[in-house]
Amino acid sequence: MRLEISCQDRLGITQDVLDILVTHEIDLRGIEIDETGKIFLNFPNIEFADFQHLMPKIRRIDGISDVKTTHFMPSEREKTQLSAILRTLPDPVFSIDARGQILLCNEAVTSGLEQSAHDVEGVEIGEVVKGFNFTRWMDGKLPRAQSSKVKFIQQDYVADMLPITVPDGDSNIIMAGAVVILKSEMRLGQQFSVFHQSPTDSFDRFVVESQAMKRVVSEAKRIADLDAPVLIFGETGTGKEMIARACHQSSRRSEGAFLALNCASLPDSVAETELFGYAQGAFNQPNAKEGLLEQARGGTLLLDEIADMSSQLQAKLLRVLEDGEFRRVGDAEPVTVDVRFICTTCRDLGQLVEEGRFRKELYYRLNVLSLVMPSLKERRHDIVPLAESFIAQHSTKLGRRPAKLSKSCVDFLQQYPWPGNVRQLQNALFRALSLLDGKEITKEDIQLPSCAPSVTFIDENFEGTLDDEVKKFEKDLLKRLYPFYPSTRQLARKLGLSHTAIANKLREYGINKASIKM
């Protein structure tokens, strides 16, 4: 049994308590006084029922305000908490005395050495942690915290040595020992990555129920913190800019700017000045203007629909990628640039390169890291969760309660081909909510062109034969699936064909890892 006694700071009050215990021949095993002045008593061989008759006598001592039982003495609580901390720390931790002998260690140490704590305690730390003279360090006049590369169980670690000192009199300080914490290269790498992470996961906003989208987000997370250019392929409305922004926010450049230039929306001369800026006096302007390249320094520049960039701008962009510098329009002085490039396109750049409509050197400079955003019809499992997410967002903007989707509406949304992809779904639901009178969105509330699930996108006046159209469809299907099933055996299994048949078709259509963005 343990008692906690609350009392005033009075000379002799502890002796008054001890006198009662002596009078009744109580075996006291321990006594402690904490920093607040409370007295703690430990009676290991007494039950509360045998002691409770003495409690009123202790309470009547002058200066004592309360007496109650407690589960821990202060030293026991401190030791229990310390043991819990040591057990949960994943890094090897040692507590050593002033001679360098191990007093305490955690489970990361004992499991690594494959020894019990009893076997490790009392051993000189230099016998298990090599590469640092702990004795010389502690023999110094006033040792300071220090880090050093060491070896533990034949592996490299960084050791943080933290001295433990206690006052000895008014001015003297003596060395009582130290705490040694070891960190492996892997742990340091994990901590460094966490340090550079965005406060929140920028990929959490993506709906990833489908396997296709899970794969894209997983790949994007792995390449987000790399500085190499990223090329994002995908149809219009699939969310290419959204995932580009997420890659920026998850990178070490997240504190820098994220700027975008739509290469398809501006005339060539305007796009050039937007990208590179112009010097003072150019175009009769009194002041110079910084382009997006300079404004995005230390950050990310998104070049949207890069396939529509003119040949002249392609050549200038290639020079930036090769030399890391550019010149403003009308200026001869080079400007050094530190920007990460992310480019998007809804077109087949490989085909454009073959046709001579896109520079081959630029294509290979940009296509270092790539992502393929799946179309909405390739991620059917995401349609309903996306719809519910958009309904919640739009309802907040419209100041109304979120509506429900009827079963017929859910079936319709899942069957529709969505040529405009996620953007089309978002816009369709916004329109439906804006005009909705009730609490449920039905199939009739969704106004979309060519709503029949059997709608075809082949013009009835197409030229060519049935065999030509079948081959076009077959080639397009194989090109879409190849990035997700990059071996002929995987693709054959997916399509229910033989390995040889798929290999022949891929060869016939020129589909391989060099021609397809993986």
Protein backbone atom coordinates (compact mmCIF):
# COMPACT_ATOMS: atom_id res chain seq x y z
CA MET A 1 0.00 0.00 0.00
CA ARG A 2 1.13 3.56 -0.78
CA LEU A 3 -0.08 6.83 0.74
CA GLU A 4 -0.06 10.36 -0.64
CA ILE A 5 -0.11 13.03 2.12
CA SER A 6 -0.90 16.65 1.25
CA CYS A 7 0.54 19.03 3.84
CA GLN A 8 1.94 22.44 4.64
CA ASP A 9 5.64 23.18 4.53
CA ARG A 10 6.22 22.90 8.32
CA LEU A 11 9.41 21.90 10.06
CA GLY A 12 9.01 18.49 11.76
CA ILE A 13 5.77 17.46 10.01
CA THR A 14 7.44 14.40 8.46
CA GLN A 15 8.82 13.37 11.86
CA ASP A 16 5.27 13.60 13.34
CA VAL A 17 4.05 11.13 10.69
CA LEU A 18 6.97 8.77 11.34
CA ASP A 19 6.30 8.86 15.10
CA ILE A 20 2.78 7.46 14.54
CA LEU A 21 4.19 4.66 12.38
CA VAL A 22 6.84 3.78 15.02
CA THR A 23 4.23 3.77 17.78
CA HIS A 24 2.12 1.23 15.90
CA GLU A 25 5.18 -0.75 14.71
CA ILE A 26 4.43 -0.14 11.00
CA ASP A 27 7.18 -1.33 8.65
CA LEU A 28 7.94 1.60 6.34
CA ARG A 29 9.77 0.52 3.19
CA GLY A 30 10.12 3.92 1.47
CA ILE A 31 9.46 7.63 1.90
CA GLU A 32 9.66 10.36 -0.75
CA ILE A 33 8.84 14.05 -0.90
CA ASP A 34 8.06 15.54 -4.32
CA GLU A 35 8.75 19.09 -5.51
CA THR A 36 5.31 20.28 -4.34
CA GLY A 37 6.01 19.14 -0.76
CA LYS A 38 3.69 16.12 -0.75
CA ILE A 39 4.85 13.15 1.35
CA PHE A 40 4.65 9.64 -0.17
CA LEU A 41 4.88 6.50 2.00
CA ASN A 42 5.32 2.91 0.87
CA PHE A 43 4.12 -0.05 3.03
CA PRO A 44 4.63 -3.12 0.80
CA ASN A 45 3.33 -5.71 3.32
CA ILE A 46 0.19 -3.97 4.63
CA GLU A 47 -3.34 -4.08 3.24
CA PHE A 48 -5.57 -1.04 3.39
CA ALA A 49 -7.99 -2.73 5.81
CA ASP A 50 -5.14 -3.17 8.31
CA PHE A 51 -4.05 0.45 8.05
CA GLN A 52 -7.26 2.47 7.69
CA HIS A 53 -7.66 2.97 11.45
CA LEU A 54 -4.43 5.04 11.42
CA MET A 55 -5.59 7.37 8.64
CA PRO A 56 -7.66 9.64 10.99
CA LYS A 57 -4.66 9.96 13.33
CA ILE A 58 -2.43 11.13 10.48
CA ARG A 59 -5.09 13.59 9.28
CA ARG A 60 -5.20 15.16 12.78
CA ILE A 61 -1.51 16.14 12.63
CA ASP A 62 -1.18 19.90 12.46
CA GLY A 63 -0.58 21.05 8.85
CA ILE A 64 -1.87 17.91 7.07
CA SER A 65 -4.87 18.58 4.80
CA ASP A 66 -5.45 15.20 3.11
CA VAL A 67 -4.38 11.55 3.20
CA LYS A 68 -5.23 9.11 0.38
CA THR A 69 -3.93 5.98 -1.26
CA THR A 70 -1.99 6.15 -4.53
CA HIS A 71 -0.80 3.56 -7.04
CA PHE A 72 2.77 4.84 -7.48
CA MET A 73 5.56 6.51 -5.58
CA PRO A 74 7.03 9.44 -7.63
CA SER A 75 10.17 7.44 -8.41
CA GLU A 76 8.10 4.41 -9.49
CA ARG A 77 5.94 6.57 -11.77
CA GLU A 78 9.01 8.17 -13.31
CA LYS A 79 10.64 4.80 -13.89
CA THR A 80 7.45 3.34 -15.39
CA GLN A 81 7.06 6.29 -17.73
CA LEU A 82 10.72 6.13 -18.75
CA SER A 83 10.44 2.41 -19.45
CA ALA A 84 7.33 3.00 -21.57
CA ILE A 85 9.14 5.68 -23.58
CA LEU A 86 12.15 3.46 -24.12
CA ARG A 87 10.01 0.51 -25.20
CA THR A 88 8.14 2.53 -27.82
CA LEU A 89 11.18 4.26 -29.34
CA PRO A 90 12.13 2.50 -32.62
CA ASP A 91 15.76 3.65 -32.39
CA PRO A 92 18.39 1.91 -30.19
CA VAL A 93 18.79 3.90 -26.94
CA PHE A 94 21.37 3.46 -24.15
CA SER A 95 21.68 5.09 -20.75
CA ILE A 96 25.29 4.95 -19.51
CA ASP A 97 27.07 6.01 -16.33
CA ALA A 98 30.13 8.27 -16.05
CA ARG A 99 32.42 5.27 -16.71
CA GLY A 100 30.61 4.36 -19.92
CA GLN A 101 28.86 1.28 -18.56
CA ILE A 102 25.35 0.57 -19.81
CA LEU A 103 22.73 1.15 -17.11
CA LEU A 104 19.61 0.80 -19.24
CA CYS A 105 18.72 0.03 -22.86
CA ASN A 106 15.54 -0.46 -24.88
CA GLU A 107 14.15 -3.36 -26.88
CA ALA A 108 15.66 -2.04 -30.13
CA VAL A 109 19.08 -2.69 -28.55
CA THR A 110 18.36 -6.12 -27.09
CA SER A 111 16.63 -7.40 -30.25
CA GLY A 112 19.49 -6.13 -32.41
CA LEU A 113 22.12 -7.80 -30.20
CA GLU A 114 19.90 -10.85 -29.65
CA GLN A 115 20.63 -10.63 -25.93
CA SER A 116 18.57 -9.96 -22.83
CA ALA A 117 18.67 -6.60 -21.04
CA HIS A 118 20.35 -8.36 -18.09
CA ASP A 119 23.22 -9.44 -20.36
CA VAL A 120 23.68 -5.98 -21.88
CA GLU A 121 23.47 -3.88 -18.70
CA GLY A 122 26.87 -3.42 -17.05
CA VAL A 123 28.76 -3.85 -20.35
CA GLU A 124 31.03 -0.98 -21.45
CA ILE A 125 29.22 0.77 -24.33
CA GLY A 126 32.34 0.82 -26.49
CA GLU A 127 32.07 -2.98 -26.76
CA VAL A 128 28.75 -2.78 -28.64
CA VAL A 129 28.91 0.67 -30.27
CA LYS A 130 32.15 1.04 -32.23
CA GLY A 131 33.84 4.08 -33.77
CA PHE A 132 33.60 6.64 -30.93
CA ASN A 133 35.65 7.05 -27.75
CA PHE A 134 32.92 7.51 -25.13
CA THR A 135 35.39 7.47 -22.20
CA ARG A 136 37.48 10.33 -23.59
CA TRP A 137 34.33 12.33 -24.37
CA MET A 138 32.97 11.97 -20.81
CA ASP A 139 36.37 12.64 -19.24
CA GLY A 140 36.36 16.11 -20.82
CA LYS A 141 35.94 19.14 -18.61
CA LEU A 142 32.33 19.87 -19.64
CA PRO A 143 31.24 17.47 -22.38
CA ARG A 144 28.64 18.82 -24.75
CA ALA A 145 26.02 17.10 -26.85
CA GLN A 146 27.68 15.57 -29.88
CA SER A 147 26.82 13.49 -32.96
CA SER A 148 29.13 10.96 -34.57
CA LYS A 149 29.01 8.17 -37.13
CA VAL A 150 29.33 4.79 -35.40
CA LYS A 151 28.80 1.10 -36.05
CA PHE A 152 26.26 -1.03 -34.22
CA ILE A 153 25.82 -4.74 -35.10
CA GLN A 154 28.03 -4.12 -38.16
CA GLN A 155 25.79 -1.38 -39.57
CA ASP A 156 26.32 2.38 -39.89
CA TYR A 157 24.40 4.63 -37.51
CA VAL A 158 24.51 8.26 -36.43
CA ALA A 159 24.88 8.46 -32.63
CA ASP A 160 23.50 11.42 -30.68
CA MET A 161 25.37 11.65 -27.33
CA LEU A 162 23.51 13.70 -24.72
CA PRO A 163 25.42 14.28 -21.43
CA ILE A 164 23.65 14.07 -18.05
CA THR A 165 25.07 16.48 -15.47
CA VAL A 166 24.07 17.22 -11.86
CA PRO A 167 24.97 20.23 -9.68
CA ASP A 168 27.51 19.66 -6.91
CA GLY A 169 27.32 22.60 -4.54
CA ASP A 170 26.78 26.17 -5.64
CA SER A 171 29.07 26.30 -8.67
CA ASN A 172 30.35 22.80 -9.45
CA ILE A 173 28.78 20.46 -12.02
CA ILE A 174 29.67 16.80 -12.25
CA MET A 175 29.17 14.34 -15.08
CA ALA A 176 26.63 11.65 -14.09
CA GLY A 177 26.45 9.80 -17.42
CA ALA A 178 24.81 10.16 -20.82
CA VAL A 179 22.01 9.03 -23.08
CA VAL A 180 23.06 7.65 -26.47
CA ILE A 181 20.50 7.45 -29.31
CA LEU A 182 21.36 5.66 -32.56
CA LYS A 183 19.70 6.41 -35.90
CA SER A 184 20.13 4.31 -39.03
CA GLU A 185 20.44 5.73 -42.53
CA MET A 186 16.94 4.48 -43.33
CA ARG A 187 15.43 6.22 -40.28
CA LEU A 188 17.24 9.45 -41.08
CA GLY A 189 15.92 9.24 -44.65
CA GLN A 190 12.36 8.72 -43.40
CA GLN A 191 12.64 11.71 -41.09
CA PHE A 192 14.11 13.87 -43.85
CA SER A 193 11.20 12.96 -46.15
CA VAL A 194 8.67 13.77 -43.43
CA PHE A 195 10.39 17.11 -42.85
CA HIS A 196 9.81 18.08 -46.49
CA GLN A 197 6.26 16.76 -46.69
CA SER A 198 3.34 19.09 -47.13
CA PRO A 199 1.39 19.55 -43.85
CA THR A 200 -1.47 17.58 -45.39
CA ASP A 201 -1.38 14.93 -48.05
CA SER A 202 -2.20 16.81 -51.24
CA PHE A 203 -3.37 13.56 -52.85
CA ASP A 204 -6.17 13.05 -50.30
CA ARG A 205 -8.55 15.06 -52.49
CA PHE A 206 -8.51 12.37 -55.20
CA VAL A 207 -11.19 9.71 -55.32
CA VAL A 208 -9.31 6.45 -55.77
CA GLU A 209 -11.73 3.53 -55.64
CA SER A 210 -10.72 2.19 -59.07
CA GLN A 211 -7.50 0.26 -59.62
CA ALA A 212 -6.55 2.58 -62.50
CA MET A 213 -6.68 5.68 -60.30
CA LYS A 214 -4.99 3.94 -57.34
CA ARG A 215 -2.06 3.16 -59.61
CA VAL A 216 -1.77 6.73 -60.93
CA VAL A 217 -1.89 8.31 -57.45
CA SER A 218 0.66 5.80 -56.14
CA GLU A 219 3.04 6.63 -59.01
CA ALA A 220 2.47 10.37 -58.55
CA LYS A 221 3.38 10.16 -54.86
CA ARG A 222 6.66 8.43 -55.73
CA ILE A 223 7.72 10.99 -58.34
CA ALA A 224 6.34 14.12 -56.63
CA ASP A 225 9.57 15.04 -54.81
CA LEU A 226 11.88 14.42 -57.77
CA ASP A 227 13.11 17.43 -59.72
CA ALA A 228 13.01 15.84 -63.19
CA PRO A 229 10.32 17.02 -65.67
CA VAL A 230 6.97 15.23 -65.57
CA LEU A 231 4.80 14.60 -68.63
CA ILE A 232 1.12 13.93 -67.88
CA PHE A 233 -1.00 12.32 -70.60
CA GLY A 234 -4.77 12.13 -70.57
CA GLU A 235 -7.99 13.14 -72.25
CA THR A 236 -9.56 16.56 -71.69
CA GLY A 237 -11.17 16.84 -68.27
CA THR A 238 -9.38 13.92 -66.59
CA GLY A 239 -7.68 16.10 -63.94
CA LYS A 240 -4.17 16.52 -65.35
CA GLU A 241 -3.68 19.97 -63.83
CA MET A 242 -5.08 18.79 -60.51
CA ILE A 243 -2.55 15.98 -60.18
CA ALA A 244 0.22 18.31 -61.36
CA ARG A 245 -0.66 20.70 -58.55
CA ALA A 246 -0.71 17.81 -56.05
CA CYS A 247 2.79 16.78 -57.18
CA HIS A 248 3.99 20.34 -56.58
CA GLN A 249 2.37 20.56 -53.15
CA SER A 250 3.97 17.26 -52.10
CA SER A 251 7.45 18.29 -53.26
CA ARG A 252 10.21 20.21 -51.53
CA ARG A 253 9.26 23.09 -53.88
CA SER A 254 5.83 23.41 -52.25
CA GLU A 255 6.75 26.78 -50.69
CA GLY A 256 7.53 28.12 -54.16
CA ALA A 257 5.05 29.28 -56.79
CA PHE A 258 2.93 27.00 -58.96
CA LEU A 259 2.26 28.82 -62.24
CA ALA A 260 0.64 27.63 -65.46
CA LEU A 261 0.73 28.56 -69.14
CA ASN A 262 -1.87 27.17 -71.53
CA CYS A 263 0.06 26.67 -74.75
CA ALA A 264 -3.15 26.26 -76.80
CA SER A 265 -4.93 29.44 -75.74
CA LEU A 266 -2.39 32.14 -76.68
CA PRO A 267 -0.89 33.35 -79.96
CA ASP A 268 2.78 32.51 -80.38
CA SER A 269 4.06 36.05 -79.73
CA VAL A 270 1.99 36.43 -76.57
CA ALA A 271 2.96 33.00 -75.27
CA GLU A 272 6.65 33.87 -75.76
CA THR A 273 6.48 37.07 -73.71
CA GLU A 274 4.34 35.34 -71.05
CA LEU A 275 6.93 32.59 -70.74
CA PHE A 276 10.21 34.51 -71.07
CA GLY A 277 9.22 38.11 -70.29
CA TYR A 278 10.76 41.06 -72.12
CA ALA A 279 13.56 43.58 -71.57
CA GLN A 280 13.19 47.28 -70.91
CA GLY A 281 12.54 49.07 -74.22
CA ALA A 282 11.16 45.99 -75.98
CA PHE A 283 7.81 46.66 -77.67
CA ASN A 284 8.39 50.33 -76.68
CA GLN A 285 7.69 49.45 -73.06
CA PRO A 286 9.39 51.63 -70.42
CA ASN A 287 9.83 48.77 -67.95
CA ALA A 288 11.02 45.20 -68.19
CA LYS A 289 8.61 42.36 -67.45
CA GLU A 290 9.38 39.09 -65.73
CA GLY A 291 8.04 36.01 -67.48
CA LEU A 292 6.55 32.94 -65.86
CA LEU A 293 9.96 31.26 -65.83
CA GLU A 294 11.33 33.94 -63.50
CA GLN A 295 8.15 34.23 -61.43
CA ALA A 296 8.19 30.47 -60.80
CA ARG A 297 11.82 30.36 -59.63
CA GLY A 298 12.19 27.78 -56.87
CA GLY A 299 8.74 26.41 -57.75
CA THR A 300 6.92 24.62 -60.53
CA LEU A 301 5.82 25.73 -64.00
CA LEU A 302 2.96 23.85 -65.65
CA LEU A 303 2.91 23.92 -69.45
CA ASP A 304 -0.64 22.89 -70.29
CA GLU A 305 -1.26 21.23 -73.68
CA ILE A 306 2.43 21.26 -74.61
CA ALA A 307 1.61 19.63 -77.97
CA ASP A 308 0.17 22.96 -79.18
CA MET A 309 3.39 24.88 -78.53
CA SER A 310 4.89 26.36 -81.70
CA SER A 311 8.14 25.05 -83.17
CA GLN A 312 9.89 28.31 -82.28
CA LEU A 313 8.89 28.11 -78.63
CA GLN A 314 9.74 24.42 -78.55
CA ALA A 315 13.31 25.27 -79.60
CA LYS A 316 13.62 27.95 -76.89
CA LEU A 317 12.17 25.65 -74.23
CA LEU A 318 14.63 22.94 -75.23
CA ARG A 319 17.48 25.40 -74.65
CA VAL A 320 16.14 26.16 -71.17
CA LEU A 321 16.03 22.45 -70.32
CA GLU A 322 19.53 21.85 -71.66
CA ASP A 323 21.35 24.94 -70.33
CA GLY A 324 19.22 25.99 -67.36
CA GLU A 325 19.03 29.56 -68.66
CA PHE A 326 17.11 31.75 -71.11
CA ARG A 327 16.95 35.30 -72.48
CA ARG A 328 14.10 37.73 -72.17
CA VAL A 329 12.63 38.97 -75.42
CA GLY A 330 14.82 41.86 -76.59
CA ASP A 331 17.63 41.13 -74.10
CA ALA A 332 21.04 39.58 -74.71
CA GLU A 333 21.79 38.83 -71.06
CA PRO A 334 21.07 35.22 -70.01
CA VAL A 335 18.90 34.57 -66.95
CA THR A 336 19.52 31.45 -64.86
CA VAL A 337 16.39 29.51 -64.02
CA ASP A 338 15.56 27.06 -61.23
CA VAL A 339 12.14 25.67 -62.13
CA ARG A 340 10.60 22.22 -62.25
CA PHE A 341 8.59 21.60 -65.42
CA ILE A 342 5.35 19.65 -65.51
CA CYS A 343 3.71 19.36 -68.93
CA THR A 344 0.30 18.01 -69.90
CA THR A 345 -1.16 16.87 -73.20
CA CYS A 346 -4.26 15.13 -74.47
CA ARG A 347 -2.54 14.19 -77.72
CA ASP A 348 -0.15 11.41 -78.73
CA LEU A 349 3.23 13.17 -78.61
CA GLY A 350 5.00 10.08 -79.91
CA GLN A 351 2.84 10.18 -83.05
CA LEU A 352 3.43 13.93 -83.44
CA VAL A 353 7.18 13.30 -83.24
CA GLU A 354 6.91 10.71 -86.02
CA GLU A 355 4.95 13.20 -88.12
CA GLY A 356 7.57 15.92 -87.53
CA ARG A 357 5.13 18.17 -85.68
CA PHE A 358 6.90 18.00 -82.31
CA ARG A 359 10.65 18.18 -81.68
CA LYS A 360 12.08 14.77 -80.88
CA GLU A 361 14.79 16.19 -78.59
CA LEU A 362 12.21 18.11 -76.57
CA TYR A 363 9.96 15.06 -76.32
CA TYR A 364 12.73 12.96 -74.78
CA ARG A 365 13.78 15.84 -72.49
CA LEU A 366 10.24 16.17 -71.15
CA ASN A 367 9.29 12.50 -71.06
CA VAL A 368 11.59 11.63 -68.14
CA LEU A 369 8.82 10.88 -65.64
CA SER A 370 5.30 10.34 -66.93
CA LEU A 371 1.77 9.73 -65.72
CA VAL A 372 -1.27 8.58 -67.68
CA MET A 373 -4.54 9.95 -66.30
CA PRO A 374 -7.30 7.41 -67.01
CA SER A 375 -10.52 8.56 -68.61
CA LEU A 376 -13.68 8.43 -66.50
CA LYS A 377 -15.00 5.45 -68.43
CA GLU A 378 -11.83 3.59 -67.40
CA ARG A 379 -12.52 4.24 -63.72
CA ARG A 380 -16.18 3.26 -63.35
CA HIS A 381 -15.80 2.51 -59.63
CA ASP A 382 -14.95 6.19 -59.05
CA ILE A 383 -18.03 7.66 -60.74
CA VAL A 384 -20.50 7.45 -57.84
CA PRO A 385 -18.00 8.55 -55.12
CA LEU A 386 -16.97 11.44 -57.39
CA ALA A 387 -20.61 12.39 -57.94
CA GLU A 388 -21.31 12.38 -54.20
CA SER A 389 -18.21 14.48 -53.56
CA PHE A 390 -19.26 17.05 -56.20
CA ILE A 391 -22.80 17.16 -54.80
CA ALA A 392 -21.42 17.97 -51.33
CA GLN A 393 -19.14 20.70 -52.73
CA HIS A 394 -21.82 22.27 -54.95
CA SER A 395 -24.45 22.11 -52.18
CA THR A 396 -22.19 24.14 -49.91
CA LYS A 397 -21.72 26.78 -52.61
CA LEU A 398 -25.46 26.89 -53.31
CA GLY A 399 -26.36 27.01 -49.62
CA ARG A 400 -28.60 23.95 -49.65
CA ARG A 401 -28.67 20.48 -48.13
CA PRO A 402 -26.91 17.81 -50.21
CA ALA A 403 -29.30 15.89 -52.45
CA LYS A 404 -29.41 12.11 -52.88
CA LEU A 405 -28.85 10.21 -56.12
CA SER A 406 -31.74 7.97 -57.20
CA LYS A 407 -30.97 4.40 -58.26
CA SER A 408 -31.87 5.15 -61.88
CA CYS A 409 -29.52 8.16 -61.79
CA VAL A 410 -26.68 6.06 -60.37
CA ASP A 411 -27.17 3.44 -63.12
CA PHE A 412 -27.27 6.16 -65.76
CA LEU A 413 -24.10 7.87 -64.49
CA GLN A 414 -22.22 4.57 -64.51
CA GLN A 415 -23.32 3.69 -68.05
CA TYR A 416 -22.74 7.07 -69.69
CA PRO A 417 -19.50 7.22 -71.78
CA TRP A 418 -18.35 10.62 -70.39
CA PRO A 419 -16.43 12.06 -73.34
CA GLY A 420 -15.74 15.15 -71.19
CA ASN A 421 -14.56 13.01 -68.27
CA VAL A 422 -14.49 14.30 -64.65
CA ARG A 423 -15.06 17.92 -65.67
CA GLN A 424 -18.22 16.96 -67.56
CA LEU A 425 -19.53 15.02 -64.55
CA GLN A 426 -18.85 17.97 -62.25
CA ASN A 427 -20.60 20.47 -64.54
CA ALA A 428 -23.59 18.19 -65.11
CA LEU A 429 -24.16 17.78 -61.38
CA PHE A 430 -23.81 21.51 -60.73
CA ARG A 431 -26.50 22.24 -63.31
CA ALA A 432 -28.78 19.54 -61.86
CA LEU A 433 -28.39 20.87 -58.31
CA SER A 434 -28.92 24.49 -59.38
CA LEU A 435 -32.31 23.64 -60.94
CA LEU A 436 -33.37 20.95 -58.45
CA ASP A 437 -36.58 21.48 -56.48
CA GLY A 438 -36.66 18.25 -54.47
CA LYS A 439 -34.17 16.31 -52.37
CA GLU A 440 -33.27 13.62 -54.92
CA ILE A 441 -31.45 13.84 -58.26
CA THR A 442 -33.06 11.58 -60.84
CA LYS A 443 -31.94 10.51 -64.28
CA GLU A 444 -34.19 13.18 -65.81
CA ASP A 445 -32.35 15.93 -63.89
CA ILE A 446 -29.06 15.10 -65.61
CA GLN A 447 -28.96 16.88 -68.99
CA LEU A 448 -26.20 15.45 -71.16
CA PRO A 449 -25.78 15.19 -74.93
CA SER A 450 -26.30 11.78 -76.56
CA CYS A 451 -27.40 10.19 -73.28
CA ALA A 452 -28.04 6.73 -74.66
CA PRO A 453 -25.46 4.28 -73.33
CA SER A 454 -25.12 2.80 -76.82
CA VAL A 455 -24.02 6.15 -78.28
CA THR A 456 -21.24 5.88 -80.86
CA PHE A 457 -18.61 8.46 -81.60
CA ILE A 458 -17.89 7.22 -85.14
CA ASP A 459 -19.27 9.52 -87.82
CA GLU A 460 -21.73 7.65 -90.00
CA ASN A 461 -20.05 9.25 -93.04
CA PHE A 462 -16.60 7.84 -92.21
CA GLU A 463 -14.38 6.79 -95.07
CA GLY A 464 -12.76 3.37 -95.19
CA THR A 465 -13.74 -0.22 -94.57
CA LEU A 466 -15.03 -2.07 -91.53
CA ASP A 467 -11.63 -3.73 -91.24
CA ASP A 468 -9.95 -0.29 -91.14
CA GLU A 469 -12.22 0.89 -88.32
CA VAL A 470 -11.77 -2.35 -86.37
CA LYS A 471 -7.99 -1.99 -86.63
CA LYS A 472 -8.19 1.63 -85.45
CA PHE A 473 -10.27 0.58 -82.45
CA GLU A 474 -7.96 -2.36 -81.72
CA LYS A 475 -4.84 -0.17 -81.88
CA ASP A 476 -6.41 2.48 -79.66
CA LEU A 477 -7.49 -0.15 -77.11
CA LEU A 478 -4.04 -1.73 -76.97
CA LYS A 479 -2.35 1.68 -76.60
CA ARG A 480 -4.65 2.55 -73.69
CA LEU A 481 -4.16 -0.76 -71.88
CA TYR A 482 -0.43 -1.21 -72.50
CA PRO A 483 0.76 1.25 -69.77
CA PHE A 484 -1.32 -0.68 -67.21
CA TYR A 485 -0.34 -4.17 -68.48
CA PRO A 486 3.21 -3.60 -69.78
CA SER A 487 4.06 -7.26 -70.40
CA THR A 488 2.56 -9.27 -73.24
CA ARG A 489 1.53 -12.02 -70.83
CA GLN A 490 -0.36 -9.62 -68.56
CA LEU A 491 -2.09 -7.98 -71.52
CA ALA A 492 -2.95 -11.34 -73.09
CA ARG A 493 -4.49 -12.51 -69.82
CA LYS A 494 -6.52 -9.29 -69.57
CA LEU A 495 -7.93 -9.61 -73.12
CA GLY A 496 -8.35 -13.38 -73.13
CA LEU A 497 -5.93 -13.95 -76.02
CA SER A 498 -2.76 -15.95 -76.38
CA HIS A 499 0.64 -14.49 -75.59
CA THR A 500 1.69 -14.94 -79.23
CA ALA A 501 -1.41 -13.20 -80.62
CA ILE A 502 -0.89 -10.14 -78.41
CA ALA A 503 2.84 -10.01 -79.23
CA ASN A 504 2.04 -10.04 -82.97
CA LYS A 505 -0.56 -7.27 -82.62
CA LEU A 506 1.76 -5.07 -80.56
CA ARG A 507 4.46 -5.55 -83.19
CA GLU A 508 2.02 -4.78 -86.01
CA TYR A 509 0.90 -1.51 -84.42
CA GLY A 510 4.38 -0.48 -83.22
CA ILE A 511 3.34 -0.47 -79.56
CA ASN A 512 6.24 -0.88 -77.12
CA LYS A 513 7.84 0.79 -74.10
CA ALA A 514 9.72 3.25 -76.32
CA SER A 515 6.60 4.42 -78.16
CA ILE A 516 4.11 4.45 -75.29
CA LYS A 517 4.27 6.77 -72.27
CA MET A 518 4.62 4.39 -69.32
